[in-house]
Structures are given as C-alpha cells and as structure tokens.
PDB file of N, CA and C in Angstrom:
ATOM      1  N   MET A   1       4.535  -4.640  14.320  1.00  0.00           N
ATOM      2  CA  MET A   1       5.909  -4.502  14.258  1.00  0.00           C
ATOM      3  C   MET A   1       6.636  -3.897  12.850  1.00  0.00           C
ATOM      4  N   VAL A   2       7.381  -3.061  12.813  1.00  0.00           N
ATOM      5  CA  VAL A   2       7.690  -2.560  11.722  1.00  0.00           C
ATOM      6  C   VAL A   2       9.305  -2.706  11.483  1.00  0.00           C
ATOM      7  N   LYS A   3       9.763  -2.793  10.456  1.00  0.00           N
ATOM      8  CA  LYS A   3      11.076  -3.446  10.360  1.00  0.00           C
ATOM      9  C   LYS A   3      11.990  -2.025   9.386  1.00  0.00           C
ATOM     10  N   LEU A   4      12.793  -1.552  10.711  1.00  0.00           N
ATOM     11  CA  LEU A   4      13.941  -0.489   9.832  1.00  0.00           C
ATOM     12  C   LEU A   4      15.387  -0.904   9.218  1.00  0.00           C
ATOM     13  N   GLN A   5      16.072  -0.668   8.861  1.00  0.00           N
ATOM     14  CA  GLN A   5      17.315  -0.648   8.113  1.00  0.00           C
ATOM     15  C   GLN A   5      18.012   0.331   7.791  1.00  0.00           C
ATOM     16  N   CYS A   6      19.400  -0.023   8.578  1.00  0.00           N
ATOM     17  CA  CYS A   6      20.709   0.917   8.549  1.00  0.00           C
ATOM     18  C   CYS A   6      20.736   1.313   6.978  1.00  0.00           C
ATOM     19  N   GLU A   7      20.902   2.404   7.081  1.00  0.00           N
ATOM     20  CA  GLU A   7      21.486   2.434   5.107  1.00  0.00           C
ATOM     21  C   GLU A   7      23.198   2.378   5.234  1.00  0.00           C
ATOM     22  N   LYS A   8      23.578   2.434   6.446  1.00  0.00           N
ATOM     23  CA  LYS A   8      25.275   1.987   6.196  1.00  0.00           C
ATOM     24  C   LYS A   8      25.526   0.652   6.556  1.00  0.00           C
ATOM     25  N   CYS A   9      25.200   0.336   7.384  1.00  0.00           N
ATOM     26  CA  CYS A   9      25.568  -1.131   7.856  1.00  0.00           C
ATOM     27  C   CYS A   9      24.693  -2.043   7.505  1.00  0.00           C
ATOM     28  N   LYS A  10      23.276  -1.776   7.095  1.00  0.00           N
ATOM     29  CA  LYS A  10      22.419  -2.516   6.774  1.00  0.00           C
ATOM     30  C   LYS A  10      21.553  -3.515   8.103  1.00  0.00           C
ATOM     31  N   TYR A  11      21.829  -3.295   9.615  1.00  0.00           N
ATOM     32  CA  TYR A  11      21.328  -3.350  10.384  1.00  0.00           C
ATOM     33  C   TYR A  11      20.104  -3.356  10.153  1.00  0.00           C
ATOM     34  N   ILE A  12      19.410  -4.169  10.551  1.00  0.00           N
ATOM     35  CA  ILE A  12      17.559  -4.755  10.926  1.00  0.00           C
ATOM     36  C   ILE A  12      17.520  -4.504  12.280  1.00  0.00           C
ATOM     37  N   LYS A  13      16.495  -3.930  12.459  1.00  0.00           N
ATOM     38  CA  LYS A  13      16.011  -3.670  13.843  1.00  0.00           C
ATOM     39  C   LYS A  13      14.043  -3.670  13.724  1.00  0.00           C
ATOM     40  N   ASN A  14      13.591  -4.258  14.646  1.00  0.00           N
ATOM     41  CA  ASN A  14      12.708  -4.553  14.778  1.00  0.00           C
ATOM     42  C   ASN A  14      11.543  -3.176  15.758  1.00  0.00           C
ATOM     43  N   TYR A  15      10.523  -2.580  15.371  1.00  0.00           N
ATOM     44  CA  TYR A  15      10.206  -1.471  16.309  1.00  0.00           C
ATOM     45  C   TYR A  15       8.522  -1.424  16.453  1.00  0.00           C
ATOM     46  N   PHE A  16       7.952  -0.937  17.099  1.00  0.00           N
ATOM     47  CA  PHE A  16       6.481  -0.949  17.121  1.00  0.00           C
ATOM     48  C   PHE A  16       6.119   0.342  16.508  1.00  0.00           C
ATOM     49  N   GLU A  17       4.951   0.267  16.097  1.00  0.00           N
ATOM     50  CA  GLU A  17       4.685   1.787  15.111  1.00  0.00           C
ATOM     51  C   GLU A  17       4.735   2.775  16.250  1.00  0.00           C
ATOM     52  N   LYS A  18       4.273   2.653  17.344  1.00  0.00           N
ATOM     53  CA  LYS A  18       4.001   3.675  18.407  1.00  0.00           C
ATOM     54  C   LYS A  18       5.293   4.332  18.653  1.00  0.00           C
ATOM     55  N   ASP A  19       6.720   3.218  18.430  1.00  0.00           N
ATOM     56  CA  ASP A  19       8.406   3.546  19.252  1.00  0.00           C
ATOM     57  C   ASP A  19       9.478   4.471  18.162  1.00  0.00           C
ATOM     58  N   ILE A  20       8.620   4.662  16.747  1.00  0.00           N
ATOM     59  CA  ILE A  20       9.345   5.014  15.943  1.00  0.00           C
ATOM     60  C   ILE A  20       9.639   6.751  16.199  1.00  0.00           C
ATOM     61  N   ILE A  21      10.518   7.042  15.856  1.00  0.00           N
ATOM     62  CA  ILE A  21      11.468   8.177  16.244  1.00  0.00           C
ATOM     63  C   ILE A  21      11.990   8.603  15.225  1.00  0.00           C
ATOM     64  N   TYR A  22      11.321   9.855  14.427  1.00  0.00           N
ATOM     65  CA  TYR A  22      11.971  10.670  13.215  1.00  0.00           C
ATOM     66  C   TYR A  22      13.285  10.702  13.553  1.00  0.00           C
ATOM     67  N   ASN A  23      13.968  10.364  12.776  1.00  0.00           N
ATOM     68  CA  ASN A  23      15.431  10.402  12.598  1.00  0.00           C
ATOM     69  C   ASN A  23      15.874   9.260  13.781  1.00  0.00           C
ATOM     70  N   GLU A  24      15.517   8.191  13.254  1.00  0.00           N
ATOM     71  CA  GLU A  24      15.922   7.666  13.918  1.00  0.00           C
ATOM     72  C   GLU A  24      17.463   6.497  13.472  1.00  0.00           C
ATOM     73  N   ARG A  25      18.315   6.233  14.683  1.00  0.00           N
ATOM     74  CA  ARG A  25      19.727   6.161  13.917  1.00  0.00           C
ATOM     75  C   ARG A  25      20.093   5.054  14.474  1.00  0.00           C
ATOM     76  N   CYS A  26      20.726   4.159  13.923  1.00  0.00           N
ATOM     77  CA  CYS A  26      21.459   2.653  14.341  1.00  0.00           C
ATOM     78  C   CYS A  26      22.096   2.524  15.526  1.00  0.00           C
ATOM     79  N   PRO A  27      22.084   1.781  15.959  1.00  0.00           N
ATOM     80  CA  PRO A  27      22.624   1.088  17.559  1.00  0.00           C
ATOM     81  C   PRO A  27      24.167   1.074  17.303  1.00  0.00           C
ATOM     82  N   MET A  28      24.309   0.499  15.987  1.00  0.00           N
ATOM     83  CA  MET A  28      25.795  -0.258  15.923  1.00  0.00           C
ATOM     84  C   MET A  28      27.084   0.825  15.447  1.00  0.00           C
ATOM     85  N   CYS A  29      25.866   1.900  14.198  1.00  0.00           N
ATOM     86  CA  CYS A  29      27.070   2.860  13.676  1.00  0.00           C
ATOM     87  C   CYS A  29      26.622   3.711  13.277  1.00  0.00           C
ATOM     88  N   ASN A  30      25.373   4.367  13.975  1.00  0.00           N
ATOM     89  CA  ASN A  30      24.951   5.842  13.847  1.00  0.00           C
ATOM     90  C   ASN A  30      24.200   5.889  12.854  1.00  0.00           C
ATOM     91  N   GLY A  31      24.182   4.978  11.859  1.00  0.00           N
ATOM     92  CA  GLY A  31      23.454   6.139  10.839  1.00  0.00           C
ATOM     93  C   GLY A  31      22.384   5.585  10.670  1.00  0.00           C
ATOM     94  N   LYS A  32      21.410   6.293   9.619  1.00  0.00           N
ATOM     95  CA  LYS A  32      19.872   6.516   9.500  1.00  0.00           C
ATOM     96  C   LYS A  32      19.432   5.537   9.537  1.00  0.00           C
ATOM     97  N   MET A  33      18.621   5.231  10.252  1.00  0.00           N
ATOM     98  CA  MET A  33      17.578   3.894  10.135  1.00  0.00           C
ATOM     99  C   MET A  33      16.359   4.000   9.413  1.00  0.00           C
ATOM    100  N   LEU A  34      15.980   3.448   7.751  1.00  0.00           N
ATOM    101  CA  LEU A  34      14.958   3.841   7.102  1.00  0.00           C
ATOM    102  C   LEU A  34      13.880   2.456   7.172  1.00  0.00           C
ATOM    103  N   LEU A  35      12.831   2.488   6.342  1.00  0.00           N
ATOM    104  CA  LEU A  35      12.392   1.615   5.920  1.00  0.00           C
ATOM    105  C   LEU A  35      12.932   0.637   4.554  1.00  0.00           C
ATOM    106  N   PRO A  36      13.309  -0.654   4.973  1.00  0.00           N
ATOM    107  CA  PRO A  36      14.127  -0.957   3.423  1.00  0.00           C
ATOM    108  C   PRO A  36      12.889  -1.566   2.205  1.00  0.00           C
ATOM    109  N   LYS A  37      13.259  -1.405   1.593  1.00  0.00           N
ATOM    110  CA  LYS A  37      12.511  -1.339   0.215  1.00  0.00           C
ATOM    111  C   LYS A  37      11.425  -1.935  -0.284  1.00  0.00           C
ATOM    112  N   LYS A  38      11.724  -3.321   0.255  1.00  0.00           N
ATOM    113  CA  LYS A  38      10.316  -4.619   0.459  1.00  0.00           C
ATOM    114  C   LYS A  38       9.344  -4.017   1.304  1.00  0.00           C
ATOM    115  N   GLU A  39       9.802  -3.667   2.336  1.00  0.00           N
ATOM    116  CA  GLU A  39       8.599  -3.738   3.211  1.00  0.00           C
ATOM    117  C   GLU A  39       7.819  -2.267   2.682  1.00  0.00           C
ATOM    118  N   LEU A  40       8.287  -1.025   2.303  1.00  0.00           N
ATOM    119  CA  LEU A  40       7.559  -0.017   1.819  1.00  0.00           C
ATOM    120  C   LEU A  40       6.606  -0.480   0.676  1.00  0.00           C
ATOM    121  N   GLY A  41       7.065  -0.961  -0.235  1.00  0.00           N
ATOM    122  CA  GLY A  41       5.985  -1.570  -0.785  1.00  0.00           C
ATOM    123  C   GLY A  41       4.879  -2.196  -0.809  1.00  0.00           C
ATOM    124  N   ASP A  42       5.314  -2.968   0.455  1.00  0.00           N
ATOM    125  CA  ASP A  42       4.329  -3.784   0.952  1.00  0.00           C
ATOM    126  C   ASP A  42       2.818  -3.021   1.717  1.00  0.00           C
ATOM    127  N   ILE A  43       3.463  -2.062   2.470  1.00  0.00           N
ATOM    128  CA  ILE A  43       2.754  -0.711   3.273  1.00  0.00           C
ATOM    129  C   ILE A  43       2.043  -0.050   2.169  1.00  0.00           C
ATOM    130  N   VAL A  44       2.798   0.460   0.661  1.00  0.00           N
ATOM    131  CA  VAL A  44       2.245   1.043  -0.259  1.00  0.00           C
ATOM    132  C   VAL A  44       0.972   0.375  -0.393  1.00  0.00           C
ATOM    133  N   GLU A  45       0.896  -1.220  -0.901  1.00  0.00           N
ATOM    134  CA  GLU A  45      -0.094  -1.735  -1.685  1.00  0.00           C
ATOM    135  C   GLU A  45      -1.229  -1.999  -0.368  1.00  0.00           C
ATOM    136  N   HIS A  46      -0.614  -1.988   0.934  1.00  0.00           N
ATOM    137  CA  HIS A  46      -1.922  -2.341   2.025  1.00  0.00           C
ATOM    138  C   HIS A  46      -2.432  -1.135   2.000  1.00  0.00           C
ATOM    139  N   SER A  47      -1.744  -0.089   2.150  1.00  0.00           N
ATOM    140  CA  SER A  47      -2.308   1.368   2.175  1.00  0.00           C
ATOM    141  C   SER A  47      -3.226   1.700   1.537  1.00  0.00           C
ATOM    142  N   SER A  48      -2.978   1.176  -0.288  1.00  0.00           N
ATOM    143  CA  SER A  48      -3.946   1.446  -1.580  1.00  0.00           C
ATOM    144  C   SER A  48      -4.968   0.646  -1.560  1.00  0.00           C
ATOM    145  N   ILE A  49      -4.950  -0.597  -0.856  1.00  0.00           N
ATOM    146  CA  ILE A  49      -6.188  -1.615  -0.739  1.00  0.00           C
ATOM    147  C   ILE A  49      -7.151  -0.917   0.228  1.00  0.00           C
ATOM    148  N   LEU A  50      -6.542  -0.352   1.217  1.00  0.00           N
ATOM    149  CA  LEU A  50      -7.585   0.311   2.202  1.00  0.00           C
ATOM    150  C   LEU A  50      -8.412   0.918   2.059  1.00  0.00           C
ATOM    151  N   ARG A  51      -7.767   1.941   1.154  1.00  0.00           N
ATOM    152  CA  ARG A  51      -8.323   3.220   0.534  1.00  0.00           C
ATOM    153  C   ARG A  51      -9.806   2.990  -0.372  1.00  0.00           C
ATOM    154  N   MET A  52      -9.170   1.618  -1.477  1.00  0.00           N
ATOM    155  CA  MET A  52     -10.238   1.198  -2.439  1.00  0.00           C
ATOM    156  C   MET A  52     -11.262   0.527  -1.265  1.00  0.00           C
ATOM    157  N   GLU A  53     -11.360   0.103  -0.143  1.00  0.00           N
ATOM    158  CA  GLU A  53     -12.209  -0.495   0.430  1.00  0.00           C
ATOM    159  C   GLU A  53     -13.413   0.213   0.724  1.00  0.00           C
ATOM    160  N   GLN A  54     -12.423   1.646   1.496  1.00  0.00           N
ATOM    161  CA  GLN A  54     -13.234   2.548   1.478  1.00  0.00           C
ATOM    162  C   GLN A  54     -14.124   3.475   0.847  1.00  0.00           C
ATOM    163  N   GLN A  55     -13.058   3.552  -0.370  1.00  0.00           N
ATOM    164  CA  GLN A  55     -14.210   4.093  -2.103  1.00  0.00           C
ATOM    165  C   GLN A  55     -15.605   3.010  -1.978  1.00  0.00           C
ATOM    166  N   ILE A  56     -15.266   1.649  -1.855  1.00  0.00           N
ATOM    167  CA  ILE A  56     -16.156   0.953  -2.311  1.00  0.00           C
ATOM    168  C   ILE A  56     -17.440   0.705  -1.473  1.00  0.00           C
ATOM    169  N   LYS A  57     -16.880   0.866  -0.119  1.00  0.00           N
ATOM    170  CA  LYS A  57     -18.050   1.184   1.120  1.00  0.00           C
ATOM    171  C   LYS A  57     -18.531   2.779   0.810  1.00  0.00           C
ATOM    172  N   GLU A  58     -17.947   3.555   0.710  1.00  0.00           N
ATOM    173  CA  GLU A  58     -18.854   5.043   0.145  1.00  0.00           C
ATOM    174  C   GLU A  58     -19.502   5.245  -1.307  1.00  0.00           C
ATOM    175  N   LEU A  59     -18.513   4.232  -2.192  1.00  0.00           N
ATOM    176  CA  LEU A  59     -19.891   4.631  -3.502  1.00  0.00           C
ATOM    177  C   LEU A  59     -20.184   3.555  -3.985  1.00  0.00           C
ATOM    178  N   GLY A  60     -19.919   2.101  -3.389  1.00  0.00           N
ATOM    179  CA  GLY A  60     -20.912   1.088  -4.053  1.00  0.00           C
ATOM    180  C   GLY A  60     -19.658   0.390  -5.423  1.00  0.00           C
ATOM    181  N   HIS A  61     -20.041  -0.882  -5.148  1.00  0.00           N
ATOM    182  CA  HIS A  61     -18.883  -1.285  -6.124  1.00  0.00           C
ATOM    183  C   HIS A  61     -18.914  -0.676  -7.493  1.00  0.00           C
ATOM    184  N   ALA A  62     -20.610  -1.249  -7.999  1.00  0.00           N
ATOM    185  CA  ALA A  62     -21.214  -0.540  -9.588  1.00  0.00           C
ATOM    186  C   ALA A  62     -20.090   0.587  -9.852  1.00  0.00           C
ATOM    187  N   ARG A  63     -20.480   1.646  -8.561  1.00  0.00           N
ATOM    188  CA  ARG A  63     -19.586   3.125  -9.165  1.00  0.00           C
ATOM    189  C   ARG A  63     -18.184   2.845  -9.136  1.00  0.00           C
ATOM    190  N   VAL A  64     -17.544   2.260  -8.560  1.00  0.00           N
ATOM    191  CA  VAL A  64     -15.970   2.662  -8.595  1.00  0.00           C
ATOM    192  C   VAL A  64     -15.968   1.654  -9.881  1.00  0.00           C
ATOM    193  N   TRP A  65     -16.573   0.505  -9.771  1.00  0.00           N
ATOM    194  CA  TRP A  65     -15.940  -0.362 -11.306  1.00  0.00           C
ATOM    195  C   TRP A  65     -16.198   0.455 -12.638  1.00  0.00           C
ATOM    196  N   GLU A  66     -17.228   1.699 -12.297  1.00  0.00           N
ATOM    197  CA  GLU A  66     -17.085   2.451 -13.219  1.00  0.00           C
ATOM    198  C   GLU A  66     -16.325   3.160 -13.659  1.00  0.00           C
ATOM    199  N   ILE A  67     -15.417   3.426 -12.744  1.00  0.00           N
ATOM    200  CA  ILE A  67     -15.172   4.731 -12.827  1.00  0.00           C
ATOM    201  C   ILE A  67     -13.416   4.076 -12.828  1.00  0.00           C
ATOM    202  N   ILE A  68     -13.270   2.725 -12.480  1.00  0.00           N
ATOM    203  CA  ILE A  68     -12.053   1.991 -12.819  1.00  0.00           C
ATOM    204  C   ILE A  68     -12.104   2.025 -14.867  1.00  0.00           C
ATOM    205  N   GLU A  69     -13.157   1.315 -15.448  1.00  0.00           N
ATOM    206  CA  GLU A  69     -13.356   1.049 -16.416  1.00  0.00           C
ATOM    207  C   GLU A  69     -13.124   2.327 -17.643  1.00  0.00           C
ATOM    208  N   ARG A  70     -12.985   3.494 -16.625  1.00  0.00           N
ATOM    209  CA  ARG A  70     -13.309   5.004 -17.952  1.00  0.00           C
ATOM    210  C   ARG A  70     -11.975   5.515 -17.988  1.00  0.00           C
ATOM    211  N   PHE A  71     -10.791   4.730 -16.605  1.00  0.00           N
ATOM    212  CA  PHE A  71      -9.458   4.864 -16.807  1.00  0.00           C
ATOM    213  C   PHE A  71      -9.054   4.501 -18.818  1.00  0.00           C
ATOM    214  N   PRO A  72      -8.171   6.249 -19.154  1.00  0.00           N
ATOM    215  CA  PRO A  72      -7.751   5.520 -20.409  1.00  0.00           C
ATOM    216  C   PRO A  72      -6.332   4.341 -21.250  1.00  0.00           C
ATOM    217  N   VAL A  73      -5.889   4.800 -20.110  1.00  0.00           N
ATOM    218  CA  VAL A  73      -4.739   3.832 -19.938  1.00  0.00           C
ATOM    219  C   VAL A  73      -4.952   2.668 -19.809  1.00  0.00           C
ATOM    220  N   LEU A  74      -4.698   1.450 -20.834  1.00  0.00           N
ATOM    221  CA  LEU A  74      -4.753   0.270 -19.906  1.00  0.00           C
ATOM    222  C   LEU A  74      -3.637  -0.350 -18.833  1.00  0.00           C
ATOM    223  N   LYS A  75      -2.762  -0.246 -18.494  1.00  0.00           N
ATOM    224  CA  LYS A  75      -1.883  -0.596 -17.658  1.00  0.00           C
ATOM    225  C   LYS A  75      -2.359  -0.081 -15.642  1.00  0.00           C
ATOM    226  N   THR A  76      -2.818   1.190 -16.046  1.00  0.00           N
ATOM    227  CA  THR A  76      -3.724   2.150 -14.950  1.00  0.00           C
ATOM    228  C   THR A  76      -4.527   1.357 -14.718  1.00  0.00           C
ATOM    229  N   ARG A  77      -5.844   0.810 -15.408  1.00  0.00           N
ATOM    230  CA  ARG A  77      -6.510   0.258 -15.303  1.00  0.00           C
ATOM    231  C   ARG A  77      -6.791  -1.198 -15.188  1.00  0.00           C
ATOM    232  N   LEU A  78      -5.922  -2.139 -15.425  1.00  0.00           N
ATOM    233  CA  LEU A  78      -5.465  -3.298 -14.730  1.00  0.00           C
ATOM    234  C   LEU A  78      -4.676  -3.331 -13.530  1.00  0.00           C
ATOM    235  N   ALA A  79      -4.231  -2.146 -13.192  1.00  0.00           N
ATOM    236  CA  ALA A  79      -3.616  -2.377 -12.075  1.00  0.00           C
ATOM    237  C   ALA A  79      -4.895  -2.083 -10.899  1.00  0.00           C
ATOM    238  N   TYR A  80      -5.621  -0.661 -10.940  1.00  0.00           N
ATOM    239  CA  TYR A  80      -6.734  -0.683 -10.257  1.00  0.00           C
ATOM    240  C   TYR A  80      -7.721  -1.843 -10.057  1.00  0.00           C
ATOM    241  N   ARG A  81      -7.826  -2.110 -11.452  1.00  0.00           N
ATOM    242  CA  ARG A  81      -8.790  -3.630 -11.321  1.00  0.00           C
ATOM    243  C   ARG A  81      -8.020  -4.596 -10.149  1.00  0.00           C
ATOM    244  N   LYS A  82      -6.978  -4.698 -10.483  1.00  0.00           N
ATOM    245  CA  LYS A  82      -6.285  -5.873  -9.289  1.00  0.00           C
ATOM    246  C   LYS A  82      -6.793  -5.496  -7.931  1.00  0.00           C
ATOM    247  N   LEU A  83      -6.210  -3.895  -7.661  1.00  0.00           N
ATOM    248  CA  LEU A  83      -6.669  -3.538  -6.117  1.00  0.00           C
ATOM    249  C   LEU A  83      -7.829  -3.341  -5.874  1.00  0.00           C
ATOM    250  N   PHE A  84      -9.234  -3.332  -6.805  1.00  0.00           N
ATOM    251  CA  PHE A  84     -10.552  -3.130  -6.217  1.00  0.00           C
ATOM    252  C   PHE A  84     -10.634  -5.279  -6.214  1.00  0.00           C
ATOM    253  N   PHE A  85     -10.164  -6.288  -6.734  1.00  0.00           N
ATOM    254  CA  PHE A  85     -10.291  -6.879  -6.294  1.00  0.00           C
ATOM    255  C   PHE A  85      -9.738  -7.982  -4.781  1.00  0.00           C
ATOM    256  N   LYS A  86      -8.368  -7.335  -4.679  1.00  0.00           N
ATOM    257  CA  LYS A  86      -8.127  -7.319  -3.491  1.00  0.00           C
ATOM    258  C   LYS A  86      -8.719  -7.047  -2.428  1.00  0.00           C
ATOM    259  N   ALA A  87      -9.205  -5.832  -2.576  1.00  0.00           N
ATOM    260  CA  ALA A  87      -9.949  -4.993  -1.535  1.00  0.00           C
ATOM    261  C   ALA A  87     -11.818  -5.874  -1.409  1.00  0.00           C
ATOM    262  N   GLY A  88     -12.182  -6.637  -2.266  1.00  0.00           N
ATOM    263  CA  GLY A  88     -13.154  -7.406  -2.125  1.00  0.00           C
ATOM    264  C   GLY A  88     -14.008  -7.103  -2.629  1.00  0.00           C
ATOM    265  N   GLY A  89     -13.870  -6.002  -4.142  1.00  0.00           N
ATOM    266  CA  GLY A  89     -14.821  -5.901  -4.894  1.00  0.00           C
ATOM    267  C   GLY A  89     -15.848  -6.887  -5.628  1.00  0.00           C
ATOM    268  N   ILE A  90     -16.749  -6.664  -6.117  1.00  0.00           N
ATOM    269  CA  ILE A  90     -17.590  -7.688  -6.966  1.00  0.00           C
ATOM    270  C   ILE A  90     -18.022  -6.660  -8.038  1.00  0.00           C
ATOM    271  N   VAL A  91     -17.440  -7.270  -9.399  1.00  0.00           N
ATOM    272  CA  VAL A  91     -18.061  -6.578 -10.545  1.00  0.00           C
ATOM    273  C   VAL A  91     -19.675  -6.893 -10.556  1.00  0.00           C
ATOM    274  N   PRO A  92     -20.079  -5.256 -10.964  1.00  0.00           N
ATOM    275  CA  PRO A  92     -21.539  -5.741 -11.452  1.00  0.00           C
ATOM    276  C   PRO A  92     -22.236  -6.536 -12.424  1.00  0.00           C
ATOM    277  N   LYS A  93     -22.926  -7.012 -12.726  1.00  0.00           N
ATOM    278  CA  LYS A  93     -23.644  -7.875 -13.869  1.00  0.00           C
ATOM    279  C   LYS A  93     -23.566  -6.697 -14.724  1.00  0.00           C
ATOM    280  N   SER A  94     -23.437  -7.376 -15.778  1.00  0.00           N
ATOM    281  CA  SER A  94     -23.703  -6.174 -17.380  1.00  0.00           C
ATOM    282  C   SER A  94     -24.673  -6.461 -18.195  1.00  0.00           C
ATOM    283  N   ASN A  95     -25.456  -5.654 -18.828  1.00  0.00           N
ATOM    284  CA  ASN A  95     -26.545  -5.967 -19.626  1.00  0.00           C
ATOM    285  C   ASN A  95     -26.308  -6.338 -21.131  1.00  0.00           C
ATOM    286  N   VAL A  96     -24.939  -6.854 -21.352  1.00  0.00           N
ATOM    287  CA  VAL A  96     -24.177  -7.862 -22.419  1.00  0.00           C
ATOM    288  C   VAL A  96     -24.513  -8.802 -22.025  1.00  0.00           C
TER     289      VAL A  96
END
C-alpha cells in the first residue's frame, strides 16, 4: 500500500501500487495527490538498500567495502557504510 496526500487539503488515501494513476486527483477538493515527504524518504532508503544488496551480490562484500572506503568525503563514506550494514554487508577481515 502507498499513501498519497492532497497538496491542498492534506487528505490522505491509501492505494495499491498497481492502482496509482499518473496525475491522481483528490476526491475531496480535486487537488493533486502526492507522496507525503515522510513516505518519500522511506521509499528512497528502501530502494537504496535494495541496490546495495544487488551490488554486494554482484561484486562481493570485500569489493563493495573497498569501494566505500575510497570515498574522499567522510559524510558520504558514513552514509554508504550505513547502507552497507542495512543491506547485510559484512566487513572483511583486514591484515592490520
């Protein structure tokens, strides 16, 4: 189920993904129905985790971890580490 919210009156209606129509209109005020901001963030995170799982399957835990550790920006590296762990990634043993 996906929740859509009217941009004008804030009415919320649940839809099955297959039933959503492009440019869906609110049954109350005929406003445009959109994904609530909270829902959108959850969908993006879930999609990112699924993509990370796919990368781990294709490249392996060690290779994905190596790629993440090469990101020069610390915040980016931390965000990808979080996704890596949520996707079930395992940090390889190091020689240190």
